[in-house]
C-alpha atoms as a PDB file:
ATOM      1  CA  UNK A   1     163.471 125.519  97.176  1.00  0.00           C
ATOM      2  CA  UNK A   2     160.045 127.247  98.144  1.00  0.00           C
ATOM      3  CA  UNK A   3     157.287 127.220  96.308  1.00  0.00           C
ATOM      4  CA  UNK A   4     156.857 130.683  96.253  1.00  0.00           C
ATOM      5  CA  UNK A   5     160.488 131.098  94.911  1.00  0.00           C
ATOM      6  CA  UNK A   6     159.227 129.554  91.511  1.00  0.00           C
ATOM      7  CA  UNK A   7     156.038 131.458  91.563  1.00  0.00           C
ATOM      8  CA  UNK A   8     158.333 134.440  91.934  1.00  0.00           C
ATOM      9  CA  UNK A   9     160.491 133.900  88.978  1.00  0.00           C
ATOM     10  CA  UNK A  10     157.387 132.443  87.011  1.00  0.00           C
ATOM     11  CA  UNK A  11     156.360 136.137  87.393  1.00  0.00           C
ATOM     12  CA  UNK A  12     159.384 137.758  86.508  1.00  0.00           C
ATOM     13  CA  UNK A  13     160.075 135.933  83.551  1.00  0.00           C
ATOM     14  CA  UNK A  14     156.485 136.270  81.968  1.00  0.00           C
ATOM     15  CA  UNK A  15     156.674 140.294  82.726  1.00  0.00           C
ATOM     16  CA  UNK A  16     160.527 140.577  81.835  1.00  0.00           C
ATOM     17  CA  UNK A  17     160.740 143.539  84.948  1.00  0.00           C
ATOM     18  CA  UNK A  18     160.901 143.150  88.407  1.00  0.00           C
ATOM     19  CA  UNK A  19     158.597 146.264  89.327  1.00  0.00           C
ATOM     20  CA  UNK A  20     155.874 145.020  86.676  1.00  0.00           C
ATOM     21  CA  UNK A  21     156.522 141.466  88.354  1.00  0.00           C
ATOM     22  CA  UNK A  22     156.096 142.594  92.127  1.00  0.00           C
ATOM     23  CA  UNK A  23     152.922 144.871  91.832  1.00  0.00           C
ATOM     24  CA  UNK A  24     151.536 141.779  90.171  1.00  0.00           C
ATOM     25  CA  UNK A  25     152.354 139.664  93.273  1.00  0.00           C
ATOM     26  CA  UNK A  26     151.615 142.583  95.644  1.00  0.00           C
ATOM     27  CA  UNK A  27     154.675 141.877  97.206  1.00  0.00           C
ATOM     28  CA  UNK A  28     157.750 144.546  97.645  1.00  0.00           C
ATOM     29  CA  UNK A  29     160.618 144.708  94.742  1.00  0.00           C
ATOM     30  CA  UNK A  30     163.071 144.322  97.570  1.00  0.00           C
ATOM     31  CA  UNK A  31     161.612 141.180  98.430  1.00  0.00           C
ATOM     32  CA  UNK A  32     160.966 139.680  95.039  1.00  0.00           C
ATOM     33  CA  UNK A  33     164.664 140.413  94.311  1.00  0.00           C
ATOM     34  CA  UNK A  34     165.650 138.542  97.644  1.00  0.00           C
ATOM     35  CA  UNK A  35     163.694 135.714  96.282  1.00  0.00           C
ATOM     36  CA  UNK A  36     165.030 135.268  93.310  1.00  0.00           C
ATOM     37  CA  UNK A  37     168.730 135.605  94.948  1.00  0.00           C
ATOM     38  CA  UNK A  38     167.727 132.562  96.828  1.00  0.00           C
ATOM     39  CA  UNK A  39     166.560 130.870  94.476  1.00  0.00           C
ATOM     40  CA  UNK A  40     169.811 131.352  92.118  1.00  0.00           C
ATOM     41  CA  UNK A  41     172.076 130.694  95.349  1.00  0.00           C
ATOM     42  CA  UNK A  42     170.165 127.350  96.112  1.00  0.00           C
ATOM     43  CA  UNK A  43     170.638 126.457  92.132  1.00  0.00           C
ATOM     44  CA  UNK A  44     174.041 127.857  91.787  1.00  0.00           C
ATOM     45  CA  UNK A  45     173.700 130.056  88.843  1.00  0.00           C
ATOM     46  CA  UNK A  46     172.108 133.171  87.513  1.00  0.00           C
ATOM     47  CA  UNK A  47     168.509 133.194  86.234  1.00  0.00           C
ATOM     48  CA  UNK A  48     168.261 136.563  84.470  1.00  0.00           C
ATOM     49  CA  UNK A  49     170.502 138.718  82.831  1.00  0.00           C
ATOM     50  CA  UNK A  50     169.201 142.208  84.586  1.00  0.00           C
ATOM     51  CA  UNK A  51     169.727 145.561  82.463  1.00  0.00           C
ATOM     52  CA  UNK A  52     168.183 149.099  83.467  1.00  0.00           C
ATOM     53  CA  UNK A  53     165.288 148.525  80.975  1.00  0.00           C
ATOM     54  CA  UNK A  54     164.301 144.809  81.612  1.00  0.00           C
ATOM     55  CA  UNK A  55     165.405 141.238  82.701  1.00  0.00           C
ATOM     56  CA  UNK A  56     165.887 138.281  80.291  1.00  0.00           C
ATOM     57  CA  UNK A  57     166.159 134.500  81.019  1.00  0.00           C
ATOM     58  CA  UNK A  58     169.781 132.948  81.022  1.00  0.00           C
ATOM     59  CA  UNK A  59     170.117 129.482  79.397  1.00  0.00           C
ATOM     60  CA  UNK A  60     169.391 127.766  82.617  1.00  0.00           C
ATOM     61  CA  UNK A  61     166.588 130.199  83.316  1.00  0.00           C
ATOM     62  CA  UNK A  62     165.077 129.395  79.927  1.00  0.00           C
ATOM     63  CA  UNK A  63     165.663 125.305  81.373  1.00  0.00           C
ATOM     64  CA  UNK A  64     163.930 126.342  84.953  1.00  0.00           C
ATOM     65  CA  UNK A  65     161.217 128.050  83.160  1.00  0.00           C
ATOM     66  CA  UNK A  66     159.315 125.067  81.571  1.00  0.00           C
ATOM     67  CA  UNK A  67     159.801 122.745  84.753  1.00  0.00           C
ATOM     68  CA  UNK A  68     158.635 125.784  87.455  1.00  0.00           C
ATOM     69  CA  UNK A  69     155.549 126.342  84.969  1.00  0.00           C
ATOM     70  CA  UNK A  70     154.838 122.518  85.445  1.00  0.00           C
ATOM     71  CA  UNK A  71     155.082 122.425  88.582  1.00  0.00           C
ATOM     72  CA  UNK A  72     152.926 125.112  89.950  1.00  0.00           C
ATOM     73  CA  UNK A  73     149.924 123.834  87.324  1.00  0.00           C
ATOM     74  CA  UNK A  74     150.591 120.399  89.291  1.00  0.00           C
ATOM     75  CA  UNK A  75     150.273 122.335  92.461  1.00  0.00           C
ATOM     76  CA  UNK A  76     147.299 124.075  91.344  1.00  0.00           C
ATOM     77  CA  UNK A  77     145.711 120.668  90.209  1.00  0.00           C
ATOM     78  CA  UNK A  78     146.295 118.981  93.633  1.00  0.00           C
ATOM     79  CA  UNK A  79     144.370 121.648  95.321  1.00  0.00           C
ATOM     80  CA  UNK A  80     141.188 121.529  92.702  1.00  0.00           C
ATOM     81  CA  UNK A  81     141.676 117.570  92.810  1.00  0.00           C
ATOM     82  CA  UNK A  82     141.096 118.069  97.067  1.00  0.00           C
ATOM     83  CA  UNK A  83     138.139 120.256  96.071  1.00  0.00           C
ATOM     84  CA  UNK A  84     136.972 117.951  93.992  1.00  0.00           C
ATOM     85  CA  UNK A  85     136.830 115.399  96.494  1.00  0.00           C
ATOM     86  CA  UNK A  86     135.272 117.406  98.881  1.00  0.00           C
ATOM     87  CA  UNK A  87     131.921 117.829  96.009  1.00  0.00           C
ATOM     88  CA  UNK A  88     132.688 121.258  95.193  1.00  0.00           C
ATOM     89  CA  UNK A  89     134.776 122.322  92.159  1.00  0.00           C
ATOM     90  CA  UNK A  90     136.948 125.357  92.567  1.00  0.00           C
ATOM     91  CA  UNK A  91     140.203 126.967  91.566  1.00  0.00           C
ATOM     92  CA  UNK A  92     140.307 127.950  87.491  1.00  0.00           C
ATOM     93  CA  UNK A  93     139.915 126.862  84.135  1.00  0.00           C
ATOM     94  CA  UNK A  94     142.460 128.019  81.507  1.00  0.00           C
ATOM     95  CA  UNK A  95     141.193 127.200  78.060  1.00  0.00           C
ATOM     96  CA  UNK A  96     142.673 128.101  74.996  1.00  0.00           C
ATOM     97  CA  UNK A  97     141.304 127.538  71.325  1.00  0.00           C
ATOM     98  CA  UNK A  98     141.547 128.566  67.794  1.00  0.00           C
ATOM     99  CA  UNK A  99     138.938 130.678  66.159  1.00  0.00           C
ATOM    100  CA  UNK A 100     135.971 128.700  64.700  1.00  0.00           C
ATOM    101  CA  UNK A 101     136.781 125.747  65.358  1.00  0.00           C
ATOM    102  CA  UNK A 102     134.915 123.136  64.071  1.00  0.00           C
ATOM    103  CA  UNK A 103     133.580 120.396  66.177  1.00  0.00           C
ATOM    104  CA  UNK A 104     133.038 122.431  69.459  1.00  0.00           C
ATOM    105  CA  UNK A 105     130.879 125.431  70.158  1.00  0.00           C
ATOM    106  CA  UNK A 106     133.486 127.027  72.816  1.00  0.00           C
ATOM    107  CA  UNK A 107     131.293 129.591  73.889  1.00  0.00           C
ATOM    108  CA  UNK A 108     127.938 127.802  74.487  1.00  0.00           C
ATOM    109  CA  UNK A 109     130.398 124.845  76.069  1.00  0.00           C
ATOM    110  CA  UNK A 110     131.633 127.586  78.835  1.00  0.00           C
ATOM    111  CA  UNK A 111     128.126 128.646  79.677  1.00  0.00           C
ATOM    112  CA  UNK A 112     127.442 125.315  80.221  1.00  0.00           C
ATOM    113  CA  UNK A 113     130.444 124.705  82.395  1.00  0.00           C
ATOM    114  CA  UNK A 114     129.677 128.188  84.421  1.00  0.00           C
ATOM    115  CA  UNK A 115     126.012 127.121  84.760  1.00  0.00           C
ATOM    116  CA  UNK A 116     127.195 123.587  86.779  1.00  0.00           C
ATOM    117  CA  UNK A 117     130.419 125.098  88.446  1.00  0.00           C
ATOM    118  CA  UNK A 118     129.945 128.974  89.496  1.00  0.00           C
ATOM    119  CA  UNK A 119     133.040 128.623  91.597  1.00  0.00           C
ATOM    120  CA  UNK A 120     135.648 127.857  88.882  1.00  0.00           C
ATOM    121  CA  UNK A 121     137.164 130.954  86.966  1.00  0.00           C
ATOM    122  CA  UNK A 122     137.315 130.789  83.598  1.00  0.00           C
ATOM    123  CA  UNK A 123     140.622 132.202  81.537  1.00  0.00           C
ATOM    124  CA  UNK A 124     140.442 131.845  77.568  1.00  0.00           C
ATOM    125  CA  UNK A 125     142.901 132.313  75.261  1.00  0.00           C
ATOM    126  CA  UNK A 126     142.572 132.259  71.709  1.00  0.00           C
ATOM    127  CA  UNK A 127     145.834 131.300  69.577  1.00  0.00           C
ATOM    128  CA  UNK A 128     147.151 129.057  66.602  1.00  0.00           C
ATOM    129  CA  UNK A 129     147.773 125.137  67.345  1.00  0.00           C
ATOM    130  CA  UNK A 130     151.595 125.050  67.822  1.00  0.00           C
ATOM    131  CA  UNK A 131     151.447 127.898  70.473  1.00  0.00           C
ATOM    132  CA  UNK A 132     148.519 126.559  72.397  1.00  0.00           C
ATOM    133  CA  UNK A 133     150.190 122.995  72.113  1.00  0.00           C
ATOM    134  CA  UNK A 134     153.085 124.561  73.955  1.00  0.00           C
ATOM    135  CA  UNK A 135     150.732 126.360  76.423  1.00  0.00           C
ATOM    136  CA  UNK A 136     149.370 122.818  77.167  1.00  0.00           C
ATOM    137  CA  UNK A 137     152.710 121.124  77.333  1.00  0.00           C
ATOM    138  CA  UNK A 138     154.211 124.021  79.648  1.00  0.00           C
ATOM    139  CA  UNK A 139     150.958 123.567  82.179  1.00  0.00           C
ATOM    140  CA  UNK A 140     149.875 127.280  81.136  1.00  0.00           C
ATOM    141  CA  UNK A 141     146.786 125.691  80.209  1.00  0.00           C
ATOM    142  CA  UNK A 142     144.552 123.107  80.795  1.00  0.00           C
ATOM    143  CA  UNK A 143     143.542 122.033  78.016  1.00  0.00           C
ATOM    144  CA  UNK A 144     142.715 123.537  73.987  1.00  0.00           C
ATOM    145  CA  UNK A 145     140.896 123.155  71.137  1.00  0.00           C
ATOM    146  CA  UNK A 146     142.894 122.646  68.129  1.00  0.00           C
ATOM    147  CA  UNK A 147     143.823 121.552  65.049  1.00  0.00           C
ATOM    148  CA  UNK A 148     146.180 118.575  64.588  1.00  0.00           C
ATOM    149  CA  UNK A 149     149.288 118.643  63.275  1.00  0.00           C
ATOM    150  CA  UNK A 150     152.358 116.659  63.860  1.00  0.00           C
ATOM    151  CA  UNK A 151     153.857 117.418  66.738  1.00  0.00           C
ATOM    152  CA  UNK A 152     151.053 117.433  69.380  1.00  0.00           C
ATOM    153  CA  UNK A 153     152.187 113.674  70.839  1.00  0.00           C
ATOM    154  CA  UNK A 154     154.657 114.152  73.644  1.00  0.00           C
ATOM    155  CA  UNK A 155     155.242 112.654  77.064  1.00  0.00           C
ATOM    156  CA  UNK A 156     153.541 116.541  78.378  1.00  0.00           C
ATOM    157  CA  UNK A 157     150.887 116.128  75.929  1.00  0.00           C
ATOM    158  CA  UNK A 158     148.060 114.471  74.304  1.00  0.00           C
ATOM    159  CA  UNK A 159     145.130 114.536  71.693  1.00  0.00           C
ATOM    160  CA  UNK A 160     141.717 113.176  71.964  1.00  0.00           C
ATOM    161  CA  UNK A 161     140.075 113.390  68.118  1.00  0.00           C
ATOM    162  CA  UNK A 162     136.666 115.641  68.065  1.00  0.00           C
ATOM    163  CA  UNK A 163     136.231 115.766  64.415  1.00  0.00           C
ATOM    164  CA  UNK A 164     137.425 116.353  60.870  1.00  0.00           C
ATOM    165  CA  UNK A 165     136.121 117.696  57.534  1.00  0.00           C
ATOM    166  CA  UNK A 166     137.409 118.264  53.821  1.00  0.00           C
ATOM    167  CA  UNK A 167     139.479 121.066  52.700  1.00  0.00           C
ATOM    168  CA  UNK A 168     137.310 123.280  50.507  1.00  0.00           C
ATOM    169  CA  UNK A 169     138.321 126.152  47.854  1.00  0.00           C
ATOM    170  CA  UNK A 170     136.695 129.674  48.229  1.00  0.00           C
ATOM    171  CA  UNK A 171     136.606 132.231  45.279  1.00  0.00           C
ATOM    172  CA  UNK A 172     134.801 135.127  44.016  1.00  0.00           C
ATOM    173  CA  UNK A 173     131.801 133.859  41.705  1.00  0.00           C
ATOM    174  CA  UNK A 174     133.536 135.585  39.041  1.00  0.00           C
ATOM    175  CA  UNK A 175     136.606 134.219  39.050  1.00  0.00           C
ATOM    176  CA  UNK A 176     137.511 131.296  36.831  1.00  0.00           C
ATOM    177  CA  UNK A 177     137.502 128.947  38.658  1.00  0.00           C
ATOM    178  CA  UNK A 178     134.052 129.407  39.989  1.00  0.00           C
ATOM    179  CA  UNK A 179     132.766 129.550  36.695  1.00  0.00           C
ATOM    180  CA  UNK A 180     134.320 125.863  35.851  1.00  0.00           C
ATOM    181  CA  UNK A 181     132.678 124.741  38.773  1.00  0.00           C
ATOM    182  CA  UNK A 182     134.675 121.819  39.262  1.00  0.00           C
ATOM    183  CA  UNK A 183     136.474 119.988  42.021  1.00  0.00           C
ATOM    184  CA  UNK A 184     140.044 121.793  41.792  1.00  0.00           C
ATOM    185  CA  UNK A 185     143.774 120.130  42.840  1.00  0.00           C
ATOM    186  CA  UNK A 186     146.610 121.772  44.402  1.00  0.00           C
ATOM    187  CA  UNK A 187     147.874 121.504  40.978  1.00  0.00           C
ATOM    188  CA  UNK A 188     144.862 123.293  39.342  1.00  0.00           C
ATOM    189  CA  UNK A 189     145.693 126.104  42.129  1.00  0.00           C
ATOM    190  CA  UNK A 190     149.678 126.207  41.263  1.00  0.00           C
ATOM    191  CA  UNK A 191     149.055 130.144  39.963  1.00  0.00           C
ATOM    192  CA  UNK A 192     146.876 131.376  41.987  1.00  0.00           C
ATOM    193  CA  UNK A 193     147.140 134.535  44.605  1.00  0.00           C
ATOM    194  CA  UNK A 194     146.151 132.961  47.845  1.00  0.00           C
ATOM    195  CA  UNK A 195     144.739 134.537  50.959  1.00  0.00           C
ATOM    196  CA  UNK A 196     145.629 132.284  54.432  1.00  0.00           C
ATOM    197  CA  UNK A 197     145.994 132.686  57.792  1.00  0.00           C
ATOM    198  CA  UNK A 198     149.381 132.818  59.812  1.00  0.00           C
ATOM    199  CA  UNK A 199     151.565 129.900  59.903  1.00  0.00           C
ATOM    200  CA  UNK A 200     150.750 128.665  63.299  1.00  0.00           C
ATOM    201  CA  UNK A 201     146.883 128.776  62.400  1.00  0.00           C
ATOM    202  CA  UNK A 202     145.450 124.820  62.104  1.00  0.00           C
ATOM    203  CA  UNK A 203     143.863 125.751  58.840  1.00  0.00           C
ATOM    204  CA  UNK A 204     146.555 127.111  57.390  1.00  0.00           C
ATOM    205  CA  UNK A 205     148.796 124.227  58.744  1.00  0.00           C
ATOM    206  CA  UNK A 206     146.712 121.793  57.040  1.00  0.00           C
ATOM    207  CA  UNK A 207     146.962 123.593  53.439  1.00  0.00           C
ATOM    208  CA  UNK A 208     150.598 123.811  53.519  1.00  0.00           C
ATOM    209  CA  UNK A 209     150.591 119.712  54.240  1.00  0.00           C
ATOM    210  CA  UNK A 210     148.158 119.498  51.323  1.00  0.00           C
ATOM    211  CA  UNK A 211     150.359 121.722  48.544  1.00  0.00           C
ATOM    212  CA  UNK A 212     153.551 120.005  50.050  1.00  0.00           C
ATOM    213  CA  UNK A 213     152.122 116.639  50.238  1.00  0.00           C
ATOM    214  CA  UNK A 214     151.094 117.350  46.190  1.00  0.00           C
ATOM    215  CA  UNK A 215     155.153 119.042  45.494  1.00  0.00           C
ATOM    216  CA  UNK A 216     153.224 122.051  44.453  1.00  0.00           C
ATOM    217  CA  UNK A 217     154.713 125.688  45.345  1.00  0.00           C
ATOM    218  CA  UNK A 218     152.274 128.109  46.436  1.00  0.00           C
ATOM    219  CA  UNK A 219     152.721 132.034  47.650  1.00  0.00           C
ATOM    220  CA  UNK A 220     150.350 133.780  50.100  1.00  0.00           C
ATOM    221  CA  UNK A 221     150.323 136.949  49.211  1.00  0.00           C
ATOM    222  CA  UNK A 222     148.004 138.007  51.966  1.00  0.00           C
ATOM    223  CA  UNK A 223     147.912 136.737  55.341  1.00  0.00           C
ATOM    224  CA  UNK A 224     145.803 137.056  57.901  1.00  0.00           C
ATOM    225  CA  UNK A 225     144.719 136.594  61.610  1.00  0.00           C
ATOM    226  CA  UNK A 226     141.288 136.292  61.434  1.00  0.00           C
ATOM    227  CA  UNK A 227     138.450 134.485  59.611  1.00  0.00           C
ATOM    228  CA  UNK A 228     136.445 137.577  58.374  1.00  0.00           C
ATOM    229  CA  UNK A 229     139.565 139.393  57.176  1.00  0.00           C
ATOM    230  CA  UNK A 230     140.093 136.339  55.130  1.00  0.00           C
ATOM    231  CA  UNK A 231     136.372 136.240  53.626  1.00  0.00           C
ATOM    232  CA  UNK A 232     136.279 139.974  53.015  1.00  0.00           C
ATOM    233  CA  UNK A 233     139.778 139.740  50.827  1.00  0.00           C
ATOM    234  CA  UNK A 234     138.218 136.873  49.157  1.00  0.00           C
ATOM    235  CA  UNK A 235     134.883 138.884  48.977  1.00  0.00           C
ATOM    236  CA  UNK A 236     136.785 141.690  46.747  1.00  0.00           C
ATOM    237  CA  UNK A 237     138.167 138.867  44.419  1.00  0.00           C
ATOM    238  CA  UNK A 238     142.117 139.717  45.427  1.00  0.00           C
ATOM    239  CA  UNK A 239     142.689 135.801  46.082  1.00  0.00           C
ATOM    240  CA  UNK A 240     141.298 132.396  46.903  1.00  0.00           C
ATOM    241  CA  UNK A 241     141.376 130.742  49.887  1.00  0.00           C
ATOM    242  CA  UNK A 242     141.645 127.088  50.839  1.00  0.00           C
ATOM    243  CA  UNK A 243     139.508 126.678  53.961  1.00  0.00           C
ATOM    244  CA  UNK A 244     138.084 123.787  56.433  1.00  0.00           C
ATOM    245  CA  UNK A 245     134.233 123.257  54.752  1.00  0.00           C
ATOM    246  CA  UNK A 246     132.496 124.525  57.517  1.00  0.00           C
ATOM    247  CA  UNK A 247     133.780 127.856  56.394  1.00  0.00           C
ATOM    248  CA  UNK A 248     131.689 128.248  53.573  1.00  0.00           C
ATOM    249  CA  UNK A 249     128.773 128.436  55.828  1.00  0.00           C
ATOM    250  CA  UNK A 250     129.922 132.206  56.764  1.00  0.00           C
ATOM    251  CA  UNK A 251     129.835 133.657  53.636  1.00  0.00           C
ATOM    252  CA  UNK A 252     127.014 132.284  51.380  1.00  0.00           C
ATOM    253  CA  UNK A 253     127.894 134.591  48.700  1.00  0.00           C
ATOM    254  CA  UNK A 254     131.390 133.360  47.597  1.00  0.00           C
ATOM    255  CA  UNK A 255     131.870 129.861  45.516  1.00  0.00           C
ATOM    256  CA  UNK A 256     133.088 127.021  47.551  1.00  0.00           C
ATOM    257  CA  UNK A 257     134.591 124.563  45.621  1.00  0.00           C
ATOM    258  CA  UNK A 258     135.587 120.957  46.926  1.00  0.00           C
ATOM    259  CA  UNK A 259     139.205 119.903  46.831  1.00  0.00           C
ATOM    260  CA  UNK A 260     140.593 116.541  45.301  1.00  0.00           C
ATOM    261  CA  UNK A 261     143.902 114.685  45.031  1.00  0.00           C
ATOM    262  CA  UNK A 262     144.731 115.634  48.961  1.00  0.00           C
ATOM    263  CA  UNK A 263     145.061 111.935  49.816  1.00  0.00           C
ATOM    264  CA  UNK A 264     144.651 111.264  53.593  1.00  0.00           C
ATOM    265  CA  UNK A 265     144.962 115.308  54.563  1.00  0.00           C
ATOM    266  CA  UNK A 266     142.019 116.747  56.066  1.00  0.00           C
ATOM    267  CA  UNK A 267     141.090 119.562  58.496  1.00  0.00           C
ATOM    268  CA  UNK A 268     140.792 117.261  62.146  1.00  0.00           C
ATOM    269  CA  UNK A 269     140.206 119.087  65.357  1.00  0.00           C
ATOM    270  CA  UNK A 270     141.127 117.858  68.759  1.00  0.00           C
ATOM    271  CA  UNK A 271     141.163 118.283  72.353  1.00  0.00           C
ATOM    272  CA  UNK A 272     144.570 118.854  73.618  1.00  0.00           C
ATOM    273  CA  UNK A 273     145.174 117.983  77.170  1.00  0.00           C
ATOM    274  CA  UNK A 274     148.135 116.752  79.310  1.00  0.00           C
ATOM    275  CA  UNK A 275     148.356 113.465  80.514  1.00  0.00           C
ATOM    276  CA  UNK A 276     145.396 111.622  82.946  1.00  0.00           C
ATOM    277  CA  UNK A 277     147.650 111.722  85.917  1.00  0.00           C
ATOM    278  CA  UNK A 278     147.851 115.530  85.661  1.00  0.00           C
ATOM    279  CA  UNK A 279     145.182 116.932  83.638  1.00  0.00           C
ATOM    280  CA  UNK A 280     143.076 119.080  86.028  1.00  0.00           C
ATOM    281  CA  UNK A 281     139.323 118.082  87.688  1.00  0.00           C
ATOM    282  CA  UNK A 282     138.540 121.260  85.690  1.00  0.00           C
ATOM    283  CA  UNK A 283     139.722 120.069  82.503  1.00  0.00           C
ATOM    284  CA  UNK A 284     138.130 116.524  82.977  1.00  0.00           C
ATOM    285  CA  UNK A 285     134.664 118.329  84.024  1.00  0.00           C
ATOM    286  CA  UNK A 286     134.891 120.725  80.598  1.00  0.00           C
ATOM    287  CA  UNK A 287     135.847 117.605  78.459  1.00  0.00           C
ATOM    288  CA  UNK A 288     132.457 115.162  80.188  1.00  0.00           C
ATOM    289  CA  UNK A 289     130.234 118.065  79.251  1.00  0.00           C
ATOM    290  CA  UNK A 290     131.986 118.130  75.171  1.00  0.00           C
ATOM    291  CA  UNK A 291     131.097 114.217  75.354  1.00  0.00           C
ATOM    292  CA  UNK A 292     128.007 114.712  77.080  1.00  0.00           C
END
């Protein structure tokens, strides 16, 4: 099995199309098809279901994809490790992050990294914590800044704590909760209309855990994927939001109320990384900047 066969396989799996994958790889479509056939012959099983419009992975192909991505990531890390020993950090830093993550100024951190390591290409992906954890475990990301959940620790993934903070209720100043001006419990919020993020985003996962722990059902009527839309909806008095405490500084016109009765549930941000032996030199260099 050759590395190029795995590279070709991953490209076709990502694009779900032979022509687009061939264009991206700068190879002929016939050469790409031959490479995939050679891999299928060696593994003695089809890896793709081919139709006239697209290709999809077979069960064997899905099993191979994660391993292929990890192998290619390890090869890239090996090249970067050798370059680092020679005194120059090269290659790529693939970083993932949730939006408005606490404890990390992502833009400033990346700017400092670029000043120190100008030969490293920086790629940034923003997504929810669950998706980021999968990307790091699969080797598609070197590391990610995310919110701790329940499944971040595994043989392919470790979580380094960064910071934590309590959750806060944001509401319009004319809302009855604002008039009361007191700390609220999940039970106090049971009948409210909620504005919240997609279920994969860290603040939503933390809030869901708070209400589940209290045995209180809630319905998210207004679901968004960015902080400013959430704040706009609360600012129009269309609902309330339970968010990390630092969000309150983004819209001072809203009323912020502490949440009590949440037990041990807090919003905790972490750096998600592969095991130490699989962590790339670029990821180590970024973490060193963060620690410094």
